[in-house]
C-alpha atoms as a PDB file:
ATOM      1  CA  MET A   1     -17.627 -17.821  -1.180  1.00  0.00           C
ATOM      2  CA  ARG A   2     -14.689 -16.361  -2.203  1.00  0.00           C
ATOM      3  CA  PRO A   3     -11.808 -19.185  -2.499  1.00  0.00           C
ATOM      4  CA  VAL A   4      -8.789 -18.987  -0.867  1.00  0.00           C
ATOM      5  CA  ALA A   5      -6.644 -16.494  -2.702  1.00  0.00           C
ATOM      6  CA  ILE A   6      -2.809 -17.243  -3.315  1.00  0.00           C
ATOM      7  CA  ALA A   7      -0.507 -14.926  -4.699  1.00  0.00           C
ATOM      8  CA  VAL A   8       2.836 -15.989  -6.106  1.00  0.00           C
ATOM      9  CA  THR A   9       5.595 -13.608  -6.849  1.00  0.00           C
ATOM     10  CA  GLY A  10       9.230 -13.437  -7.070  1.00  0.00           C
ATOM     11  CA  GLY A  11      12.056 -11.780  -9.342  1.00  0.00           C
ATOM     12  CA  ILE A  12      12.471 -12.138 -13.076  1.00  0.00           C
ATOM     13  CA  GLY A  13      13.811 -15.508 -14.064  1.00  0.00           C
ATOM     14  CA  ALA A  14      12.757 -17.214 -10.926  1.00  0.00           C
ATOM     15  CA  GLY A  15       9.884 -19.441 -12.256  1.00  0.00           C
ATOM     16  CA  LYS A  16       6.901 -17.520 -10.908  1.00  0.00           C
ATOM     17  CA  SER A  17       5.008 -18.683 -14.715  1.00  0.00           C
ATOM     18  CA  GLU A  18       6.155 -22.175 -14.127  1.00  0.00           C
ATOM     19  CA  ALA A  19       4.842 -22.367 -10.592  1.00  0.00           C
ATOM     20  CA  LEU A  20       1.546 -20.845 -11.914  1.00  0.00           C
ATOM     21  CA  LYS A  21       1.502 -23.539 -14.662  1.00  0.00           C
ATOM     22  CA  ALA A  22       2.239 -26.386 -11.791  1.00  0.00           C
ATOM     23  CA  PHE A  23      -0.862 -25.027 -10.186  1.00  0.00           C
ATOM     24  CA  ALA A  24      -2.997 -25.067 -13.189  1.00  0.00           C
ATOM     25  CA  ARG A  25      -2.013 -28.782 -13.549  1.00  0.00           C
ATOM     26  CA  ARG A  26      -3.669 -29.310 -10.463  1.00  0.00           C
ATOM     27  CA  GLY A  27      -6.656 -27.850 -11.672  1.00  0.00           C
ATOM     28  CA  ILE A  28      -6.367 -24.686  -9.681  1.00  0.00           C
ATOM     29  CA  PRO A  29      -7.856 -21.796 -11.224  1.00  0.00           C
ATOM     30  CA  THR A  30      -5.028 -19.327 -12.281  1.00  0.00           C
ATOM     31  CA  GLN A  31      -4.565 -15.906 -13.488  1.00  0.00           C
ATOM     32  CA  SER A  32      -1.318 -14.232 -14.358  1.00  0.00           C
ATOM     33  CA  ALA A  33      -0.975 -10.411 -13.523  1.00  0.00           C
ATOM     34  CA  ASP A  34       0.894  -9.824 -16.804  1.00  0.00           C
ATOM     35  CA  GLN A  35      -1.581 -11.367 -18.924  1.00  0.00           C
ATOM     36  CA  VAL A  36      -4.283  -8.997 -17.323  1.00  0.00           C
ATOM     37  CA  VAL A  37      -1.740  -6.018 -18.345  1.00  0.00           C
ATOM     38  CA  HIS A  38      -1.621  -7.228 -21.826  1.00  0.00           C
ATOM     39  CA  ASP A  39      -5.335  -7.686 -21.987  1.00  0.00           C
ATOM     40  CA  LEU A  40      -5.804  -4.036 -20.687  1.00  0.00           C
ATOM     41  CA  ILE A  41      -3.294  -2.762 -23.139  1.00  0.00           C
ATOM     42  CA  ALA A  42      -4.958  -4.611 -26.007  1.00  0.00           C
ATOM     43  CA  ASN A  43      -8.583  -4.299 -25.428  1.00  0.00           C
ATOM     44  CA  ASP A  44      -9.636  -1.762 -22.664  1.00  0.00           C
ATOM     45  CA  ALA A  45      -9.933   1.583 -24.727  1.00  0.00           C
ATOM     46  CA  GLU A  46      -9.214   3.967 -21.321  1.00  0.00           C
ATOM     47  CA  VAL A  47      -6.076   2.370 -21.318  1.00  0.00           C
ATOM     48  CA  ARG A  48      -5.110   2.771 -25.156  1.00  0.00           C
ATOM     49  CA  ASP A  49      -6.205   6.177 -25.486  1.00  0.00           C
ATOM     50  CA  ALA A  50      -4.169   7.231 -22.536  1.00  0.00           C
ATOM     51  CA  LEU A  51      -1.047   5.345 -23.401  1.00  0.00           C
ATOM     52  CA  GLU A  52      -1.512   6.995 -27.149  1.00  0.00           C
ATOM     53  CA  GLU A  53      -1.953  10.180 -25.362  1.00  0.00           C
ATOM     54  CA  ARG A  54       1.320   9.723 -23.286  1.00  0.00           C
ATOM     55  CA  PHE A  55       3.366   7.683 -25.200  1.00  0.00           C
ATOM     56  CA  GLY A  56       2.056   8.002 -28.757  1.00  0.00           C
ATOM     57  CA  THR A  57       1.736   4.336 -28.800  1.00  0.00           C
ATOM     58  CA  THR A  58       0.350   1.338 -27.319  1.00  0.00           C
ATOM     59  CA  ASP A  59       3.283  -1.245 -28.400  1.00  0.00           C
ATOM     60  CA  ARG A  60       4.430  -2.777 -25.225  1.00  0.00           C
ATOM     61  CA  ALA A  61       8.043  -2.821 -26.350  1.00  0.00           C
ATOM     62  CA  ARG A  62       8.335   0.514 -27.006  1.00  0.00           C
ATOM     63  CA  ILE A  63       6.385   1.824 -23.859  1.00  0.00           C
ATOM     64  CA  ALA A  64       8.946  -0.307 -22.034  1.00  0.00           C
ATOM     65  CA  GLU A  65      11.854   1.574 -23.648  1.00  0.00           C
ATOM     66  CA  VAL A  66      10.688   4.667 -22.164  1.00  0.00           C
ATOM     67  CA  VAL A  67       9.371   3.754 -18.730  1.00  0.00           C
ATOM     68  CA  PHE A  68      12.141   1.750 -17.415  1.00  0.00           C
ATOM     69  CA  GLY A  69      14.756   4.891 -18.119  1.00  0.00           C
ATOM     70  CA  ASP A  70      11.976   7.472 -17.070  1.00  0.00           C
ATOM     71  CA  ARG A  71      10.772   7.282 -13.204  1.00  0.00           C
ATOM     72  CA  ASP A  72       7.939   9.713 -13.805  1.00  0.00           C
ATOM     73  CA  ALA A  73       6.666   7.778 -16.870  1.00  0.00           C
ATOM     74  CA  LEU A  74       6.766   4.576 -14.518  1.00  0.00           C
ATOM     75  CA  ALA A  75       5.032   5.932 -12.227  1.00  0.00           C
ATOM     76  CA  TRP A  76       2.284   7.299 -14.543  1.00  0.00           C
ATOM     77  CA  LEU A  77       1.970   3.770 -16.208  1.00  0.00           C
ATOM     78  CA  GLU A  78       1.848   2.230 -13.053  1.00  0.00           C
ATOM     79  CA  ALA A  79      -1.138   4.285 -11.600  1.00  0.00           C
ATOM     80  CA  LEU A  80      -2.778   3.872 -14.588  1.00  0.00           C
ATOM     81  CA  LEU A  81      -2.493  -0.016 -14.535  1.00  0.00           C
ATOM     82  CA  HIS A  82      -2.176  -1.223 -11.142  1.00  0.00           C
ATOM     83  CA  PRO A  83      -5.850  -0.103  -9.843  1.00  0.00           C
ATOM     84  CA  ARG A  84      -7.414  -1.708 -13.183  1.00  0.00           C
ATOM     85  CA  VAL A  85      -5.499  -4.954 -12.528  1.00  0.00           C
ATOM     86  CA  ARG A  86      -6.741  -5.038  -9.048  1.00  0.00           C
ATOM     87  CA  ASP A  87     -10.125  -4.698  -9.840  1.00  0.00           C
ATOM     88  CA  VAL A  88      -9.799  -7.446 -12.887  1.00  0.00           C
ATOM     89  CA  GLN A  89      -8.463  -9.710 -10.208  1.00  0.00           C
ATOM     90  CA  GLN A  90     -10.796  -8.921  -7.458  1.00  0.00           C
ATOM     91  CA  ARG A  91     -13.902  -9.711 -10.053  1.00  0.00           C
ATOM     92  CA  TRP A  92     -12.068 -12.874 -11.146  1.00  0.00           C
ATOM     93  CA  PHE A  93     -11.669 -14.414  -7.860  1.00  0.00           C
ATOM     94  CA  GLU A  94     -15.431 -13.196  -6.979  1.00  0.00           C
ATOM     95  CA  SER A  95     -16.785 -14.895 -10.225  1.00  0.00           C
ATOM     96  CA  LEU A  96     -14.935 -18.510  -9.161  1.00  0.00           C
ATOM     97  CA  ASP A  97     -16.906 -21.396  -7.873  1.00  0.00           C
ATOM     98  CA  ALA A  98     -13.593 -23.193  -6.881  1.00  0.00           C
ATOM     99  CA  PRO A  99     -12.044 -23.771  -3.099  1.00  0.00           C
ATOM    100  CA  VAL A 100      -8.429 -22.118  -4.112  1.00  0.00           C
ATOM    101  CA  ALA A 101      -7.820 -19.717  -6.953  1.00  0.00           C
ATOM    102  CA  VAL A 102      -3.915 -18.549  -7.540  1.00  0.00           C
ATOM    103  CA  THR A 103      -2.757 -15.411  -9.293  1.00  0.00           C
ATOM    104  CA  GLU A 104       0.800 -14.430 -10.211  1.00  0.00           C
ATOM    105  CA  ILE A 105       2.036 -10.886  -9.541  1.00  0.00           C
ATOM    106  CA  PRO A 106       5.479  -9.973  -9.906  1.00  0.00           C
ATOM    107  CA  LEU A 107       5.192  -6.731  -7.908  1.00  0.00           C
ATOM    108  CA  LEU A 108       3.247  -7.852  -5.209  1.00  0.00           C
ATOM    109  CA  TYR A 109       5.147  -6.698  -2.260  1.00  0.00           C
ATOM    110  CA  GLU A 110       6.215  -3.710  -4.144  1.00  0.00           C
ATOM    111  CA  THR A 111       2.340  -2.655  -4.278  1.00  0.00           C
ATOM    112  CA  GLY A 112       1.126  -3.577  -1.359  1.00  0.00           C
ATOM    113  CA  GLY A 113      -1.058  -5.936  -2.723  1.00  0.00           C
ATOM    114  CA  ASP A 114       0.148  -8.714  -0.270  1.00  0.00           C
ATOM    115  CA  ALA A 115      -2.640  -7.725   2.258  1.00  0.00           C
ATOM    116  CA  ARG A 116      -5.426  -9.467  -0.400  1.00  0.00           C
ATOM    117  CA  PHE A 117      -4.104 -12.642  -0.614  1.00  0.00           C
ATOM    118  CA  ASP A 118      -4.671 -15.511   2.253  1.00  0.00           C
ATOM    119  CA  ALA A 119      -1.349 -17.075   1.581  1.00  0.00           C
ATOM    120  CA  VAL A 120       1.650 -15.749  -0.765  1.00  0.00           C
ATOM    121  CA  VAL A 121       4.154 -17.900  -2.385  1.00  0.00           C
ATOM    122  CA  VAL A 122       7.545 -16.674  -3.316  1.00  0.00           C
ATOM    123  CA  ILE A 123       9.676 -18.464  -5.846  1.00  0.00           C
ATOM    124  CA  THR A 124      13.411 -17.833  -6.062  1.00  0.00           C
ATOM    125  CA  ALA A 125      16.080 -18.870  -7.826  1.00  0.00           C
ATOM    126  CA  PRO A 126      20.144 -18.563  -7.561  1.00  0.00           C
ATOM    127  CA  ALA A 127      21.203 -15.939  -9.924  1.00  0.00           C
ATOM    128  CA  GLU A 128      22.868 -18.211 -12.326  1.00  0.00           C
ATOM    129  CA  VAL A 129      20.041 -20.025 -12.898  1.00  0.00           C
ATOM    130  CA  ARG A 130      17.760 -16.785 -13.588  1.00  0.00           C
ATOM    131  CA  ALA A 131      20.509 -15.534 -15.828  1.00  0.00           C
ATOM    132  CA  GLY A 132      19.998 -18.984 -17.896  1.00  0.00           C
ATOM    133  CA  ARG A 133      16.542 -18.538 -17.978  1.00  0.00           C
ATOM    134  CA  THR A 134      15.776 -15.026 -19.075  1.00  0.00           C
ATOM    135  CA  ASP A 135      18.084 -12.001 -20.555  1.00  0.00           C
ATOM    136  CA  ARG A 136      15.737  -9.461 -18.646  1.00  0.00           C
ATOM    137  CA  LEU A 137      17.674  -9.395 -15.218  1.00  0.00           C
ATOM    138  CA  ALA A 138      17.621  -5.505 -14.724  1.00  0.00           C
ATOM    139  CA  ARG A 139      18.171  -4.579 -11.220  1.00  0.00           C
ATOM    140  CA  SER A 140      16.275  -1.935  -9.547  1.00  0.00           C
ATOM    141  CA  GLU A 141      16.520  -0.126  -6.398  1.00  0.00           C
ATOM    142  CA  ARG A 142      12.814  -0.069  -6.246  1.00  0.00           C
ATOM    143  CA  LEU A 143      12.403  -4.360  -6.218  1.00  0.00           C
ATOM    144  CA  ILE A 144      12.232  -5.514  -2.910  1.00  0.00           C
ATOM    145  CA  PRO A 145      15.453  -8.590  -2.886  1.00  0.00           C
ATOM    146  CA  ASP A 146      14.334 -11.786  -2.720  1.00  0.00           C
ATOM    147  CA  GLU A 147      15.661 -12.393   0.558  1.00  0.00           C
ATOM    148  CA  GLU A 148      12.996  -9.927   2.082  1.00  0.00           C
ATOM    149  CA  LYS A 149       9.882 -11.332   0.222  1.00  0.00           C
ATOM    150  CA  ALA A 150      11.116 -14.754   1.379  1.00  0.00           C
ATOM    151  CA  LYS A 151      10.923 -13.768   4.693  1.00  0.00           C
ATOM    152  CA  ARG A 152       7.288 -12.300   4.653  1.00  0.00           C
ATOM    153  CA  ALA A 153       6.080 -14.986   2.360  1.00  0.00           C
ATOM    154  CA  ASP A 154       3.825 -17.836   3.838  1.00  0.00           C
ATOM    155  CA  PHE A 155       5.545 -20.541   1.390  1.00  0.00           C
ATOM    156  CA  VAL A 156       8.939 -20.303  -0.410  1.00  0.00           C
ATOM    157  CA  TYR A 157      10.577 -22.202  -3.115  1.00  0.00           C
ATOM    158  CA  VAL A 158      14.162 -22.034  -4.324  1.00  0.00           C
ATOM    159  CA  ASN A 159      13.531 -23.130  -8.145  1.00  0.00           C
ATOM    160  CA  ASP A 160      16.794 -24.574  -8.996  1.00  0.00           C
ATOM    161  CA  GLY A 161      15.458 -28.224  -9.962  1.00  0.00           C
ATOM    162  CA  SER A 162      12.950 -30.312 -12.209  1.00  0.00           C
ATOM    163  CA  LEU A 163       9.566 -29.387 -12.887  1.00  0.00           C
ATOM    164  CA  ASP A 164       8.459 -32.452 -10.919  1.00  0.00           C
ATOM    165  CA  GLU A 165      10.124 -30.846  -7.764  1.00  0.00           C
ATOM    166  CA  LEU A 166       8.178 -27.662  -8.581  1.00  0.00           C
ATOM    167  CA  ASP A 167       5.003 -29.804  -9.024  1.00  0.00           C
ATOM    168  CA  ALA A 168       5.889 -31.766  -5.490  1.00  0.00           C
ATOM    169  CA  PHE A 169       6.272 -28.171  -3.896  1.00  0.00           C
ATOM    170  CA  VAL A 170       2.766 -26.948  -4.835  1.00  0.00           C
ATOM    171  CA  GLY A 171       1.154 -30.169  -3.989  1.00  0.00           C
ATOM    172  CA  GLN A 172       3.038 -29.284  -0.457  1.00  0.00           C
ATOM    173  CA  VAL A 173       1.485 -25.708  -0.620  1.00  0.00           C
ATOM    174  CA  LEU A 174      -2.160 -27.025  -1.362  1.00  0.00           C
ATOM    175  CA  ALA A 175      -1.993 -29.704   1.150  1.00  0.00           C
ATOM    176  CA  GLN A 176      -1.065 -27.166   3.840  1.00  0.00           C
ATOM    177  CA  ILE A 177      -3.688 -24.973   3.416  1.00  0.00           C
ATOM    178  CA  GLY A 178      -5.994 -27.853   3.253  1.00  0.00           C
ATOM    179  CA  GLN A 179      -6.842 -28.309  -0.286  1.00  0.00           C
END
């Protein structure tokens, strides 16, 4: 039987990865969509060949430089990767013998992926906190604002405190879903 599937999402620098680690510390199987993408680029021959043909490289940093300034290139890249990421995630969830599993998906709402999950956790943080965590706070009109994500979510956490507070929030989420 498939586990209760939880997605963690939120903006850059909000603390999604730390939330994922908090679930893992409680023994919950976790997966990161970003890591799945990294694995596909490193190991999937079809993906690598397509990237080489389109961009002349499989170097993620060089590809990022191109796609974040070119909407058509970004759309092409997402069309290449997103279906494969969904397939990997689905196989992963189906392979688990656990009551709950959590995956981190930065563009969950933007890709309509929320329908595939039993619960969604949005991690957000004030802009000044996020700015201190990353230098990649690029604003994009294609990203759904945190406020809208929070309205759609089953659980929301403003991540401006300690890791212990984040761990406590994760414990509350698991308690509310019966785990």
